[in-house]
C-alpha atoms as a PDB file:
ATOM      1  CA  UNK A   1     -11.862   9.892  11.843  1.00  0.00           C
ATOM      2  CA  UNK A   2     -12.582   7.768   8.765  1.00  0.00           C
ATOM      3  CA  UNK A   3     -12.221   4.392  10.457  1.00  0.00           C
ATOM      4  CA  UNK A   4     -14.517   5.490  13.311  1.00  0.00           C
ATOM      5  CA  UNK A   5     -17.186   6.477  10.764  1.00  0.00           C
ATOM      6  CA  UNK A   6     -16.946   3.094   9.076  1.00  0.00           C
ATOM      7  CA  UNK A   7     -17.108   1.317  12.431  1.00  0.00           C
ATOM      8  CA  UNK A   8     -20.253   3.251  13.334  1.00  0.00           C
ATOM      9  CA  UNK A   9     -21.933   2.239  10.088  1.00  0.00           C
ATOM     10  CA  UNK A  10     -21.077  -1.409  10.684  1.00  0.00           C
ATOM     11  CA  UNK A  11     -22.444  -1.257  14.229  1.00  0.00           C
ATOM     12  CA  UNK A  12     -25.714   0.257  12.973  1.00  0.00           C
ATOM     13  CA  UNK A  13     -26.134  -2.476  10.392  1.00  0.00           C
ATOM     14  CA  UNK A  14     -25.493  -5.111  13.042  1.00  0.00           C
ATOM     15  CA  UNK A  15     -28.277  -3.685  15.217  1.00  0.00           C
ATOM     16  CA  UNK A  16     -30.662  -3.650  12.256  1.00  0.00           C
ATOM     17  CA  UNK A  17     -29.822  -7.175  11.277  1.00  0.00           C
ATOM     18  CA  UNK A  18     -29.888  -8.855  14.649  1.00  0.00           C
ATOM     19  CA  UNK A  19     -33.458  -7.713  15.266  1.00  0.00           C
ATOM     20  CA  UNK A  20     -34.605  -9.495  12.106  1.00  0.00           C
ATOM     21  CA  UNK A  21     -32.701 -12.789  12.046  1.00  0.00           C
ATOM     22  CA  UNK A  22     -35.028 -15.640  11.190  1.00  0.00           C
ATOM     23  CA  UNK A  23     -32.648 -18.530  10.624  1.00  0.00           C
ATOM     24  CA  UNK A  24     -28.995 -19.388  10.593  1.00  0.00           C
ATOM     25  CA  UNK A  25     -28.431 -19.980   6.888  1.00  0.00           C
ATOM     26  CA  UNK A  26     -24.644 -20.351   7.056  1.00  0.00           C
ATOM     27  CA  UNK A  27     -24.270 -20.120   3.294  1.00  0.00           C
ATOM     28  CA  UNK A  28     -20.848 -19.633   1.752  1.00  0.00           C
ATOM     29  CA  UNK A  29     -20.485 -17.948  -1.651  1.00  0.00           C
ATOM     30  CA  UNK A  30     -17.375 -17.894  -3.815  1.00  0.00           C
ATOM     31  CA  UNK A  31     -17.093 -15.552  -6.786  1.00  0.00           C
ATOM     32  CA  UNK A  32     -14.770 -14.482  -9.595  1.00  0.00           C
ATOM     33  CA  UNK A  33     -15.038 -10.740 -10.248  1.00  0.00           C
ATOM     34  CA  UNK A  34     -13.619  -7.968 -12.432  1.00  0.00           C
ATOM     35  CA  UNK A  35     -14.020  -4.206 -12.333  1.00  0.00           C
ATOM     36  CA  UNK A  36     -12.483  -0.837 -11.576  1.00  0.00           C
ATOM     37  CA  UNK A  37     -10.045  -2.263  -9.014  1.00  0.00           C
ATOM     38  CA  UNK A  38      -8.846  -5.153 -11.175  1.00  0.00           C
ATOM     39  CA  UNK A  39      -9.730  -8.842 -11.345  1.00  0.00           C
ATOM     40  CA  UNK A  40      -9.861 -11.299  -8.485  1.00  0.00           C
ATOM     41  CA  UNK A  41     -12.003 -13.283  -6.084  1.00  0.00           C
ATOM     42  CA  UNK A  42     -14.847 -12.594  -3.657  1.00  0.00           C
ATOM     43  CA  UNK A  43     -15.883 -14.759  -0.711  1.00  0.00           C
ATOM     44  CA  UNK A  44     -18.990 -14.173   1.400  1.00  0.00           C
ATOM     45  CA  UNK A  45     -20.404 -15.894   4.480  1.00  0.00           C
ATOM     46  CA  UNK A  46     -24.105 -15.241   5.002  1.00  0.00           C
ATOM     47  CA  UNK A  47     -24.649 -16.348   8.574  1.00  0.00           C
ATOM     48  CA  UNK A  48     -28.292 -15.219   8.737  1.00  0.00           C
ATOM     49  CA  UNK A  49     -31.054 -14.171   6.377  1.00  0.00           C
ATOM     50  CA  UNK A  50     -30.165 -10.488   6.771  1.00  0.00           C
ATOM     51  CA  UNK A  51     -26.490 -10.408   7.725  1.00  0.00           C
ATOM     52  CA  UNK A  52     -23.214 -11.611   6.296  1.00  0.00           C
ATOM     53  CA  UNK A  53     -19.563 -10.750   5.971  1.00  0.00           C
ATOM     54  CA  UNK A  54     -17.483 -10.703   2.814  1.00  0.00           C
ATOM     55  CA  UNK A  55     -13.903 -10.277   1.700  1.00  0.00           C
ATOM     56  CA  UNK A  56     -12.490  -9.536  -1.730  1.00  0.00           C
ATOM     57  CA  UNK A  57      -9.157  -9.026  -3.408  1.00  0.00           C
ATOM     58  CA  UNK A  58      -8.683  -7.643  -6.914  1.00  0.00           C
ATOM     59  CA  UNK A  59      -5.616  -6.520  -8.794  1.00  0.00           C
ATOM     60  CA  UNK A  60      -3.356  -7.483 -11.645  1.00  0.00           C
ATOM     61  CA  UNK A  61      -4.478  -4.700 -13.982  1.00  0.00           C
ATOM     62  CA  UNK A  62      -2.163  -1.997 -15.330  1.00  0.00           C
ATOM     63  CA  UNK A  63      -2.048   0.157 -18.428  1.00  0.00           C
ATOM     64  CA  UNK A  64      -0.143   3.049 -19.940  1.00  0.00           C
ATOM     65  CA  UNK A  65      -1.638   6.517 -20.297  1.00  0.00           C
ATOM     66  CA  UNK A  66      -0.489  10.079 -20.936  1.00  0.00           C
ATOM     67  CA  UNK A  67      -1.341  13.361 -19.279  1.00  0.00           C
ATOM     68  CA  UNK A  68      -0.175  16.971 -19.666  1.00  0.00           C
ATOM     69  CA  UNK A  69      -0.036  19.965 -17.348  1.00  0.00           C
ATOM     70  CA  UNK A  70       0.895  23.506 -18.365  1.00  0.00           C
ATOM     71  CA  UNK A  71       4.600  22.687 -18.054  1.00  0.00           C
ATOM     72  CA  UNK A  72       5.079  18.905 -18.405  1.00  0.00           C
ATOM     73  CA  UNK A  73       4.023  16.044 -20.683  1.00  0.00           C
ATOM     74  CA  UNK A  74       3.677  12.785 -18.729  1.00  0.00           C
ATOM     75  CA  UNK A  75       3.592   9.092 -19.534  1.00  0.00           C
ATOM     76  CA  UNK A  76       2.207   6.950 -16.730  1.00  0.00           C
ATOM     77  CA  UNK A  77       1.936   3.240 -15.931  1.00  0.00           C
ATOM     78  CA  UNK A  78      -1.239   2.886 -13.833  1.00  0.00           C
ATOM     79  CA  UNK A  79      -1.551  -0.012 -11.361  1.00  0.00           C
ATOM     80  CA  UNK A  80      -4.762  -1.143  -9.647  1.00  0.00           C
ATOM     81  CA  UNK A  81      -5.197  -3.378  -6.601  1.00  0.00           C
ATOM     82  CA  UNK A  82      -7.555  -3.475  -3.623  1.00  0.00           C
ATOM     83  CA  UNK A  83      -8.556  -5.671  -0.706  1.00  0.00           C
ATOM     84  CA  UNK A  84     -11.901  -5.304   1.070  1.00  0.00           C
ATOM     85  CA  UNK A  85     -13.569  -6.583   4.250  1.00  0.00           C
ATOM     86  CA  UNK A  86     -17.202  -5.623   4.874  1.00  0.00           C
ATOM     87  CA  UNK A  87     -20.393  -6.372   6.730  1.00  0.00           C
ATOM     88  CA  UNK A  88     -23.304  -6.970   4.342  1.00  0.00           C
ATOM     89  CA  UNK A  89     -26.941  -6.286   5.226  1.00  0.00           C
ATOM     90  CA  UNK A  90     -29.721  -7.907   3.176  1.00  0.00           C
ATOM     91  CA  UNK A  91     -32.840  -5.785   3.825  1.00  0.00           C
ATOM     92  CA  UNK A  92     -35.220  -8.001   1.827  1.00  0.00           C
ATOM     93  CA  UNK A  93     -33.615 -11.391   2.714  1.00  0.00           C
ATOM     94  CA  UNK A  94     -33.037 -11.842  -1.043  1.00  0.00           C
ATOM     95  CA  UNK A  95     -29.940 -11.078  -3.062  1.00  0.00           C
ATOM     96  CA  UNK A  96     -29.805  -7.281  -2.711  1.00  0.00           C
ATOM     97  CA  UNK A  97     -27.401  -6.051  -0.029  1.00  0.00           C
ATOM     98  CA  UNK A  98     -25.923  -2.915   1.514  1.00  0.00           C
ATOM     99  CA  UNK A  99     -22.244  -3.076   2.362  1.00  0.00           C
ATOM    100  CA  UNK A 100     -19.997  -1.114   4.724  1.00  0.00           C
ATOM    101  CA  UNK A 101     -16.507  -1.726   6.012  1.00  0.00           C
ATOM    102  CA  UNK A 102     -12.864  -1.177   5.194  1.00  0.00           C
ATOM    103  CA  UNK A 103     -10.906  -1.228   1.965  1.00  0.00           C
ATOM    104  CA  UNK A 104      -7.167  -1.383   1.391  1.00  0.00           C
ATOM    105  CA  UNK A 105      -6.736   0.124  -2.085  1.00  0.00           C
ATOM    106  CA  UNK A 106      -3.497   0.669  -3.960  1.00  0.00           C
ATOM    107  CA  UNK A 107      -4.219   2.865  -6.977  1.00  0.00           C
ATOM    108  CA  UNK A 108      -1.127   4.615  -8.293  1.00  0.00           C
ATOM    109  CA  UNK A 109       0.924   5.422 -11.373  1.00  0.00           C
ATOM    110  CA  UNK A 110       4.652   5.441 -12.063  1.00  0.00           C
ATOM    111  CA  UNK A 111       5.190   8.574 -14.165  1.00  0.00           C
ATOM    112  CA  UNK A 112       7.863   9.963 -16.465  1.00  0.00           C
ATOM    113  CA  UNK A 113       7.562  13.618 -17.468  1.00  0.00           C
ATOM    114  CA  UNK A 114       9.282  15.745 -20.087  1.00  0.00           C
ATOM    115  CA  UNK A 115       9.246  19.374 -18.910  1.00  0.00           C
ATOM    116  CA  UNK A 116       8.803  22.069 -21.503  1.00  0.00           C
ATOM    117  CA  UNK A 117      10.356  24.912 -19.489  1.00  0.00           C
ATOM    118  CA  UNK A 118      13.919  23.611 -19.016  1.00  0.00           C
ATOM    119  CA  UNK A 119      16.561  21.685 -20.946  1.00  0.00           C
ATOM    120  CA  UNK A 120      15.885  17.950 -20.635  1.00  0.00           C
ATOM    121  CA  UNK A 121      19.369  17.149 -21.958  1.00  0.00           C
ATOM    122  CA  UNK A 122      20.925  19.042 -19.044  1.00  0.00           C
ATOM    123  CA  UNK A 123      18.508  18.452 -16.177  1.00  0.00           C
ATOM    124  CA  UNK A 124      16.943  15.150 -17.221  1.00  0.00           C
ATOM    125  CA  UNK A 125      13.334  14.010 -17.198  1.00  0.00           C
ATOM    126  CA  UNK A 126      10.954  13.955 -14.246  1.00  0.00           C
ATOM    127  CA  UNK A 127      10.349  10.608 -12.556  1.00  0.00           C
ATOM    128  CA  UNK A 128       8.036   9.781  -9.707  1.00  0.00           C
ATOM    129  CA  UNK A 129       4.865   8.265  -8.389  1.00  0.00           C
ATOM    130  CA  UNK A 130       1.328   9.633  -8.332  1.00  0.00           C
ATOM    131  CA  UNK A 131      -0.909   7.914  -5.781  1.00  0.00           C
ATOM    132  CA  UNK A 132      -4.662   8.423  -5.893  1.00  0.00           C
ATOM    133  CA  UNK A 133      -5.504   6.317  -2.838  1.00  0.00           C
ATOM    134  CA  UNK A 134      -3.469   4.011  -0.623  1.00  0.00           C
ATOM    135  CA  UNK A 135      -3.794   2.593   2.896  1.00  0.00           C
ATOM    136  CA  UNK A 136      -6.857   1.597   4.902  1.00  0.00           C
ATOM    137  CA  UNK A 137      -9.975   3.576   3.925  1.00  0.00           C
ATOM    138  CA  UNK A 138     -13.718   3.343   4.755  1.00  0.00           C
ATOM    139  CA  UNK A 139     -15.937   1.791   2.108  1.00  0.00           C
ATOM    140  CA  UNK A 140     -19.672   1.859   1.404  1.00  0.00           C
ATOM    141  CA  UNK A 141     -21.575   0.185  -1.395  1.00  0.00           C
ATOM    142  CA  UNK A 142     -24.542  -1.860  -2.545  1.00  0.00           C
ATOM    143  CA  UNK A 143     -24.955  -4.858  -4.767  1.00  0.00           C
ATOM    144  CA  UNK A 144     -26.514  -8.191  -5.655  1.00  0.00           C
ATOM    145  CA  UNK A 145     -25.232 -11.583  -4.579  1.00  0.00           C
ATOM    146  CA  UNK A 146     -27.301 -14.769  -4.982  1.00  0.00           C
ATOM    147  CA  UNK A 147     -26.307 -16.086  -1.563  1.00  0.00           C
ATOM    148  CA  UNK A 148     -29.932 -16.735  -0.543  1.00  0.00           C
ATOM    149  CA  UNK A 149     -30.007 -19.947  -2.566  1.00  0.00           C
ATOM    150  CA  UNK A 150     -27.535 -22.646  -3.547  1.00  0.00           C
ATOM    151  CA  UNK A 151     -25.980 -22.928  -6.984  1.00  0.00           C
ATOM    152  CA  UNK A 152     -24.490 -20.657  -9.596  1.00  0.00           C
ATOM    153  CA  UNK A 153     -25.430 -16.989  -9.756  1.00  0.00           C
ATOM    154  CA  UNK A 154     -24.342 -13.515 -10.789  1.00  0.00           C
ATOM    155  CA  UNK A 155     -22.591 -10.905  -8.701  1.00  0.00           C
ATOM    156  CA  UNK A 156     -22.499  -7.116  -8.993  1.00  0.00           C
ATOM    157  CA  UNK A 157     -21.486  -4.342  -6.614  1.00  0.00           C
ATOM    158  CA  UNK A 158     -20.910  -0.598  -6.793  1.00  0.00           C
ATOM    159  CA  UNK A 159     -19.449   1.594  -4.083  1.00  0.00           C
ATOM    160  CA  UNK A 160     -17.059   4.404  -3.235  1.00  0.00           C
ATOM    161  CA  UNK A 161     -13.816   4.821  -1.334  1.00  0.00           C
ATOM    162  CA  UNK A 162     -12.365   8.262  -0.447  1.00  0.00           C
ATOM    163  CA  UNK A 163      -9.163   9.304  -2.204  1.00  0.00           C
ATOM    164  CA  UNK A 164      -6.005  10.720  -0.646  1.00  0.00           C
ATOM    165  CA  UNK A 165      -3.759  11.974  -3.490  1.00  0.00           C
ATOM    166  CA  UNK A 166      -0.012  12.186  -3.100  1.00  0.00           C
ATOM    167  CA  UNK A 167       2.633  12.972  -5.720  1.00  0.00           C
ATOM    168  CA  UNK A 168       6.399  12.639  -5.462  1.00  0.00           C
ATOM    169  CA  UNK A 169       8.702  13.779  -8.287  1.00  0.00           C
ATOM    170  CA  UNK A 170      12.447  13.962  -8.914  1.00  0.00           C
ATOM    171  CA  UNK A 171      14.710  14.554 -11.910  1.00  0.00           C
ATOM    172  CA  UNK A 172      16.596  11.689 -13.499  1.00  0.00           C
ATOM    173  CA  UNK A 173      19.890  13.584 -13.093  1.00  0.00           C
ATOM    174  CA  UNK A 174      19.327  14.683  -9.486  1.00  0.00           C
ATOM    175  CA  UNK A 175      20.318  18.267 -10.253  1.00  0.00           C
ATOM    176  CA  UNK A 176      17.749  19.582  -7.749  1.00  0.00           C
ATOM    177  CA  UNK A 177      19.810  18.105  -4.909  1.00  0.00           C
ATOM    178  CA  UNK A 178      22.689  20.510  -5.456  1.00  0.00           C
ATOM    179  CA  UNK A 179      23.612  23.388  -3.164  1.00  0.00           C
ATOM    180  CA  UNK A 180      23.263  26.313  -5.557  1.00  0.00           C
ATOM    181  CA  UNK A 181      20.615  28.870  -6.564  1.00  0.00           C
ATOM    182  CA  UNK A 182      19.663  27.029  -9.774  1.00  0.00           C
ATOM    183  CA  UNK A 183      19.107  23.760  -7.888  1.00  0.00           C
ATOM    184  CA  UNK A 184      16.999  25.583  -5.321  1.00  0.00           C
ATOM    185  CA  UNK A 185      14.875  27.077  -8.092  1.00  0.00           C
ATOM    186  CA  UNK A 186      14.467  23.638  -9.665  1.00  0.00           C
ATOM    187  CA  UNK A 187      13.375  22.153  -6.318  1.00  0.00           C
ATOM    188  CA  UNK A 188      10.763  24.875  -5.998  1.00  0.00           C
ATOM    189  CA  UNK A 189       9.441  24.215  -9.492  1.00  0.00           C
ATOM    190  CA  UNK A 190       9.242  20.469  -8.803  1.00  0.00           C
ATOM    191  CA  UNK A 191       7.287  21.062  -5.570  1.00  0.00           C
ATOM    192  CA  UNK A 192       4.905  23.352  -7.477  1.00  0.00           C
ATOM    193  CA  UNK A 193       4.385  20.647 -10.097  1.00  0.00           C
ATOM    194  CA  UNK A 194       3.648  18.096  -7.361  1.00  0.00           C
ATOM    195  CA  UNK A 195       1.020  20.398  -5.860  1.00  0.00           C
ATOM    196  CA  UNK A 196      -0.477  20.993  -9.320  1.00  0.00           C
ATOM    197  CA  UNK A 197      -0.888  17.261  -9.917  1.00  0.00           C
ATOM    198  CA  UNK A 198      -2.323  16.710  -6.445  1.00  0.00           C
ATOM    199  CA  UNK A 199      -4.857  19.495  -7.025  1.00  0.00           C
ATOM    200  CA  UNK A 200      -5.947  17.793 -10.258  1.00  0.00           C
ATOM    201  CA  UNK A 201      -6.335  14.461  -8.457  1.00  0.00           C
ATOM    202  CA  UNK A 202      -8.354  16.070  -5.661  1.00  0.00           C
ATOM    203  CA  UNK A 203     -11.096  16.733  -8.209  1.00  0.00           C
ATOM    204  CA  UNK A 204     -11.881  13.045  -7.560  1.00  0.00           C
ATOM    205  CA  UNK A 205     -12.828  13.089  -3.839  1.00  0.00           C
ATOM    206  CA  UNK A 206     -13.941   9.458  -4.101  1.00  0.00           C
ATOM    207  CA  UNK A 207     -12.890   6.585  -6.324  1.00  0.00           C
ATOM    208  CA  UNK A 208     -15.770   4.618  -7.882  1.00  0.00           C
ATOM    209  CA  UNK A 209     -15.685   0.892  -7.184  1.00  0.00           C
ATOM    210  CA  UNK A 210     -17.697  -1.277  -9.570  1.00  0.00           C
ATOM    211  CA  UNK A 211     -17.322  -5.041 -10.062  1.00  0.00           C
ATOM    212  CA  UNK A 212     -19.299  -7.793 -11.792  1.00  0.00           C
ATOM    213  CA  UNK A 213     -18.803 -11.522 -11.849  1.00  0.00           C
ATOM    214  CA  UNK A 214     -20.113 -15.019 -11.373  1.00  0.00           C
ATOM    215  CA  UNK A 215     -20.534 -16.901  -8.095  1.00  0.00           C
ATOM    216  CA  UNK A 216     -21.435 -20.223  -6.583  1.00  0.00           C
ATOM    217  CA  UNK A 217     -23.248 -20.611  -3.247  1.00  0.00           C
ATOM    218  CA  UNK A 218     -22.832 -23.758  -1.184  1.00  0.00           C
END
């Protein structure tokens, strides 16, 4: 299971770190960050020279895009948001760290599609949601945080989170809900289109997480 894998990684890092703790630094770092999961804030507590914990929330970014399959032209409003809680291991006692833990991403798009193989005036347009990743997922990454000394610094981190695509579509007129052969055929075509979009999304087995920012260590 994914969460068991992440827990095992965290436990391993704890064992590595506790054998090399030299002092209780107890440094707190606050940061403002922006990247592939949006913009937001990062907070880290470095409780020893080699170990710390951090939390981050980013979001507030959305944009419009278009995409086409063999049968449908789509317009999509993409929304990004993610929360993260990790254990950070500093192998050199400097600013470089390895990170492992859990992420709660919400990366999805509200879509409107205009099918090319049936009459939009009669059956309506396609509406729905395409989700690339949602819910609690394991996370692994590496980065640089100047939490080994007080004052202002820079922050950067890259990592990955596994995706779990899901697509749900319906027509604006609801014709597919009828009890007749044409409605049944339309339902089948909609389910096929959902599977086609999910197969395209599965070409991204992981979502790249990359953020940069500024920080201050107390």
